[in-house]
C-alpha atoms as a PDB file:
ATOM      1  CA  MET A   1     162.147  17.957 129.419  1.00  0.00           C
ATOM      2  CA  THR A   2     161.971  17.878 125.633  1.00  0.00           C
ATOM      3  CA  THR A   3     160.493  14.835 123.934  1.00  0.00           C
ATOM      4  CA  GLN A   4     160.505  13.695 120.316  1.00  0.00           C
ATOM      5  CA  THR A   5     157.006  15.113 120.067  1.00  0.00           C
ATOM      6  CA  ASP A   6     158.054  18.589 121.250  1.00  0.00           C
ATOM      7  CA  ARG A   7     159.972  19.603 118.128  1.00  0.00           C
ATOM      8  CA  ILE A   8     159.532  19.401 114.357  1.00  0.00           C
ATOM      9  CA  GLU A   9     162.547  20.063 112.153  1.00  0.00           C
ATOM     10  CA  LYS A  10     162.533  20.248 108.355  1.00  0.00           C
ATOM     11  CA  ARG A  11     165.510  20.966 106.135  1.00  0.00           C
ATOM     12  CA  VAL A  12     165.353  21.789 102.438  1.00  0.00           C
ATOM     13  CA  THR A  13     167.911  23.008  99.920  1.00  0.00           C
ATOM     14  CA  LEU A  14     166.297  25.622  97.727  1.00  0.00           C
ATOM     15  CA  ARG A  15     167.602  26.333  94.245  1.00  0.00           C
ATOM     16  CA  ALA A  16     167.731  30.077  94.749  1.00  0.00           C
ATOM     17  CA  PRO A  17     170.205  32.612  96.099  1.00  0.00           C
ATOM     18  CA  LEU A  18     170.098  33.374  99.804  1.00  0.00           C
ATOM     19  CA  ALA A  19     168.829  36.948  99.268  1.00  0.00           C
ATOM     20  CA  LYS A  20     165.817  35.662  97.311  1.00  0.00           C
ATOM     21  CA  VAL A  21     164.956  33.064  99.968  1.00  0.00           C
ATOM     22  CA  TRP A  22     165.416  35.689 102.686  1.00  0.00           C
ATOM     23  CA  ARG A  23     162.822  37.922 100.995  1.00  0.00           C
ATOM     24  CA  ALA A  24     160.469  34.947 100.615  1.00  0.00           C
ATOM     25  CA  ILE A  25     160.480  34.286 104.361  1.00  0.00           C
ATOM     26  CA  THR A  26     160.660  37.844 105.749  1.00  0.00           C
ATOM     27  CA  ASN A  27     158.573  39.923 103.347  1.00  0.00           C
ATOM     28  CA  ALA A  28     155.023  39.417 104.633  1.00  0.00           C
ATOM     29  CA  GLN A  29     153.449  39.539 101.167  1.00  0.00           C
ATOM     30  CA  GLU A  30     155.935  37.055  99.683  1.00  0.00           C
ATOM     31  CA  PHE A  31     155.609  34.816 102.746  1.00  0.00           C
ATOM     32  CA  GLY A  32     151.850  34.944 102.386  1.00  0.00           C
ATOM     33  CA  THR A  33     152.025  33.899  98.737  1.00  0.00           C
ATOM     34  CA  TRP A  34     153.801  30.583  99.333  1.00  0.00           C
ATOM     35  CA  PHE A  35     152.454  29.982 102.855  1.00  0.00           C
ATOM     36  CA  LYS A  36     148.934  30.745 101.637  1.00  0.00           C
ATOM     37  CA  VAL A  37     147.883  33.434 104.075  1.00  0.00           C
ATOM     38  CA  ALA A  38     146.820  37.012 103.289  1.00  0.00           C
ATOM     39  CA  LEU A  39     148.781  38.925 105.920  1.00  0.00           C
ATOM     40  CA  GLN A  40     147.867  42.486 106.897  1.00  0.00           C
ATOM     41  CA  GLY A  41     151.034  44.525 107.415  1.00  0.00           C
ATOM     42  CA  GLU A  42     154.716  43.726 107.578  1.00  0.00           C
ATOM     43  CA  PHE A  43     156.910  41.541 109.754  1.00  0.00           C
ATOM     44  CA  VAL A  44     158.383  43.734 112.485  1.00  0.00           C
ATOM     45  CA  GLU A  45     160.341  42.317 115.408  1.00  0.00           C
ATOM     46  CA  GLY A  46     158.282  42.547 118.598  1.00  0.00           C
ATOM     47  CA  GLN A  47     154.973  43.066 116.792  1.00  0.00           C
ATOM     48  CA  THR A  48     152.018  40.821 115.937  1.00  0.00           C
ATOM     49  CA  ILE A  49     150.653  40.364 112.431  1.00  0.00           C
ATOM     50  CA  HIS A  50     147.295  38.850 111.431  1.00  0.00           C
ATOM     51  CA  GLY A  51     146.020  37.286 108.257  1.00  0.00           C
ATOM     52  CA  GLN A  52     143.343  35.213 106.584  1.00  0.00           C
ATOM     53  CA  ILE A  53     144.342  31.681 105.567  1.00  0.00           C
ATOM     54  CA  THR A  54     143.995  31.208 101.788  1.00  0.00           C
ATOM     55  CA  TYR A  55     144.934  27.506 101.682  1.00  0.00           C
ATOM     56  CA  PRO A  56     142.037  25.637 100.013  1.00  0.00           C
ATOM     57  CA  GLY A  57     139.721  24.164 102.622  1.00  0.00           C
ATOM     58  CA  TYR A  58     141.067  26.375 105.420  1.00  0.00           C
ATOM     59  CA  GLU A  59     139.857  29.807 104.268  1.00  0.00           C
ATOM     60  CA  HIS A  60     137.610  30.051 107.344  1.00  0.00           C
ATOM     61  CA  LEU A  61     140.701  30.336 109.585  1.00  0.00           C
ATOM     62  CA  THR A  62     142.883  33.258 110.566  1.00  0.00           C
ATOM     63  CA  ALA A  63     146.534  33.345 111.574  1.00  0.00           C
ATOM     64  CA  GLU A  64     148.264  35.411 114.229  1.00  0.00           C
ATOM     65  CA  MET A  65     152.053  35.564 114.301  1.00  0.00           C
ATOM     66  CA  GLN A  66     154.081  37.274 117.027  1.00  0.00           C
ATOM     67  CA  ILE A  67     157.412  38.201 115.423  1.00  0.00           C
ATOM     68  CA  VAL A  68     160.188  37.291 117.847  1.00  0.00           C
ATOM     69  CA  ARG A  69     163.439  37.946 115.983  1.00  0.00           C
ATOM     70  CA  ILE A  70     164.679  39.014 112.568  1.00  0.00           C
ATOM     71  CA  LYS A  71     168.441  38.619 112.077  1.00  0.00           C
ATOM     72  CA  PRO A  72     169.113  39.726 108.479  1.00  0.00           C
ATOM     73  CA  GLN A  73     169.929  37.039 105.965  1.00  0.00           C
ATOM     74  CA  THR A  74     170.148  34.259 108.573  1.00  0.00           C
ATOM     75  CA  TYR A  75     167.294  33.933 111.088  1.00  0.00           C
ATOM     76  CA  PHE A  76     163.570  34.653 111.344  1.00  0.00           C
ATOM     77  CA  ALA A  77     161.407  33.539 114.276  1.00  0.00           C
ATOM     78  CA  TYR A  78     157.798  33.906 115.306  1.00  0.00           C
ATOM     79  CA  ARG A  79     155.332  32.433 117.799  1.00  0.00           C
ATOM     80  CA  TRP A  80     151.848  31.258 117.006  1.00  0.00           C
ATOM     81  CA  HIS A  81     149.070  28.954 118.136  1.00  0.00           C
ATOM     82  CA  PRO A  82     149.581  25.745 116.146  1.00  0.00           C
ATOM     83  CA  ALA A  83     146.645  23.930 114.595  1.00  0.00           C
ATOM     84  CA  ALA A  84     144.164  26.553 115.785  1.00  0.00           C
ATOM     85  CA  MET A  85     141.525  24.945 113.593  1.00  0.00           C
ATOM     86  CA  GLU A  86     138.222  25.513 115.347  1.00  0.00           C
ATOM     87  CA  VAL A  87     136.301  28.655 114.487  1.00  0.00           C
ATOM     88  CA  GLY A  88     135.045  30.455 117.575  1.00  0.00           C
ATOM     89  CA  VAL A  89     137.588  28.865 119.935  1.00  0.00           C
ATOM     90  CA  ASP A  90     139.798  31.327 121.812  1.00  0.00           C
ATOM     91  CA  TYR A  91     143.340  29.925 121.834  1.00  0.00           C
ATOM     92  CA  SER A  92     144.867  33.057 123.389  1.00  0.00           C
ATOM     93  CA  SER A  93     145.258  31.498 126.846  1.00  0.00           C
ATOM     94  CA  GLU A  94     147.229  28.542 125.448  1.00  0.00           C
ATOM     95  CA  PRO A  95     151.005  28.543 125.115  1.00  0.00           C
ATOM     96  CA  THR A  96     152.410  29.238 121.653  1.00  0.00           C
ATOM     97  CA  THR A  97     155.015  27.309 119.718  1.00  0.00           C
ATOM     98  CA  LEU A  98     158.174  28.903 118.366  1.00  0.00           C
ATOM     99  CA  VAL A  99     158.826  28.683 114.618  1.00  0.00           C
ATOM    100  CA  GLU A 100     162.430  29.352 113.625  1.00  0.00           C
ATOM    101  CA  MET A 101     163.688  29.654 110.061  1.00  0.00           C
ATOM    102  CA  THR A 102     167.442  29.583 109.585  1.00  0.00           C
ATOM    103  CA  LEU A 103     169.243  30.160 106.290  1.00  0.00           C
ATOM    104  CA  SER A 104     172.719  29.199 105.147  1.00  0.00           C
ATOM    105  CA  GLU A 105     174.425  29.025 101.794  1.00  0.00           C
ATOM    106  CA  ALA A 106     174.568  25.554 100.274  1.00  0.00           C
ATOM    107  CA  ALA A 107     175.874  24.006  97.083  1.00  0.00           C
ATOM    108  CA  GLY A 108     173.371  24.902  94.393  1.00  0.00           C
ATOM    109  CA  GLY A 109     171.382  27.368  96.470  1.00  0.00           C
ATOM    110  CA  THR A 110     170.264  28.026 100.029  1.00  0.00           C
ATOM    111  CA  GLU A 111     169.563  25.631 102.873  1.00  0.00           C
ATOM    112  CA  LEU A 112     166.444  26.462 104.860  1.00  0.00           C
ATOM    113  CA  THR A 113     165.937  24.818 108.236  1.00  0.00           C
ATOM    114  CA  ILE A 114     162.493  25.198 109.790  1.00  0.00           C
ATOM    115  CA  THR A 115     162.111  24.239 113.438  1.00  0.00           C
ATOM    116  CA  GLU A 116     158.895  24.418 115.429  1.00  0.00           C
ATOM    117  CA  SER A 117     159.171  23.688 119.142  1.00  0.00           C
ATOM    118  CA  GLY A 118     157.055  23.878 122.273  1.00  0.00           C
ATOM    119  CA  PHE A 119     154.378  21.272 121.570  1.00  0.00           C
ATOM    120  CA  ASP A 120     154.879  19.635 124.987  1.00  0.00           C
ATOM    121  CA  ALA A 121     153.502  22.802 126.642  1.00  0.00           C
ATOM    122  CA  LEU A 122     150.197  22.625 124.740  1.00  0.00           C
ATOM    123  CA  PRO A 123     147.087  21.286 126.469  1.00  0.00           C
ATOM    124  CA  ALA A 124     147.186  17.479 126.472  1.00  0.00           C
ATOM    125  CA  ALA A 125     143.894  17.261 124.569  1.00  0.00           C
ATOM    126  CA  ARG A 126     145.381  19.157 121.567  1.00  0.00           C
ATOM    127  CA  ARG A 127     149.068  18.260 121.734  1.00  0.00           C
ATOM    128  CA  ALA A 128     149.280  15.126 119.556  1.00  0.00           C
ATOM    129  CA  GLU A 129     146.917  16.445 116.885  1.00  0.00           C
ATOM    130  CA  ALA A 130     148.695  19.813 116.680  1.00  0.00           C
ATOM    131  CA  PHE A 131     152.031  18.035 116.284  1.00  0.00           C
ATOM    132  CA  ARG A 132     150.657  15.680 113.614  1.00  0.00           C
ATOM    133  CA  LEU A 133     149.034  18.477 111.617  1.00  0.00           C
ATOM    134  CA  ASN A 134     152.095  20.714 111.724  1.00  0.00           C
ATOM    135  CA  GLU A 135     154.506  17.875 110.924  1.00  0.00           C
ATOM    136  CA  GLY A 136     152.607  17.301 107.689  1.00  0.00           C
ATOM    137  CA  GLY A 137     152.034  21.006 107.161  1.00  0.00           C
ATOM    138  CA  TRP A 138     155.735  21.827 107.238  1.00  0.00           C
ATOM    139  CA  THR A 139     156.410  19.153 104.633  1.00  0.00           C
ATOM    140  CA  ILE A 140     153.868  20.860 102.370  1.00  0.00           C
ATOM    141  CA  GLN A 141     155.278  24.316 103.131  1.00  0.00           C
ATOM    142  CA  CYS A 142     158.812  23.175 102.243  1.00  0.00           C
ATOM    143  CA  ASP A 143     157.455  22.159  98.826  1.00  0.00           C
ATOM    144  CA  ASN A 144     155.555  25.448  98.542  1.00  0.00           C
ATOM    145  CA  ILE A 145     158.573  27.645  99.207  1.00  0.00           C
ATOM    146  CA  ALA A 146     160.753  25.535  96.888  1.00  0.00           C
ATOM    147  CA  GLN A 147     158.277  26.085  94.059  1.00  0.00           C
ATOM    148  CA  TYR A 148     157.894  29.770  94.926  1.00  0.00           C
ATOM    149  CA  VAL A 149     161.598  30.672  94.912  1.00  0.00           C
ATOM    150  CA  ALA A 150     162.195  28.606  91.786  1.00  0.00           C
ATOM    151  CA  SER A 151     159.557  30.610  89.879  1.00  0.00           C
ATOM    152  CA  ALA A 152     159.459  34.037  91.570  1.00  0.00           C
END
């Protein structure tokens, strides 16, 4: 069963051509610039990439993204451990959430839809906080990518 707390969906129209937005979400270095994470390597379907968070106040954290699917110019998906905020805690035994980024052409630019799902499978003690943090985080990241593609 999926609840209203299992899925976050954000939609933003970016004032940039689809090819530019595609690079911003699928080139690991460009992604890292607006997402604020120094990723080591490239996004490759079926592989895992790691990086150091560079967002002010969160530099003590690392990110791990398992790349699920890359469908050129339209779809990018990865799994990760949401709100993995405690240093020294091993989240590897917990379920991951699925982040999906879908692109389509829109009047004046490109529509980006970001969906993160799977929160209901997280341990009950972390579920609500992970959802709350990522709900707000995706709002910030939509602003970050909008600014990035407008200036890059």
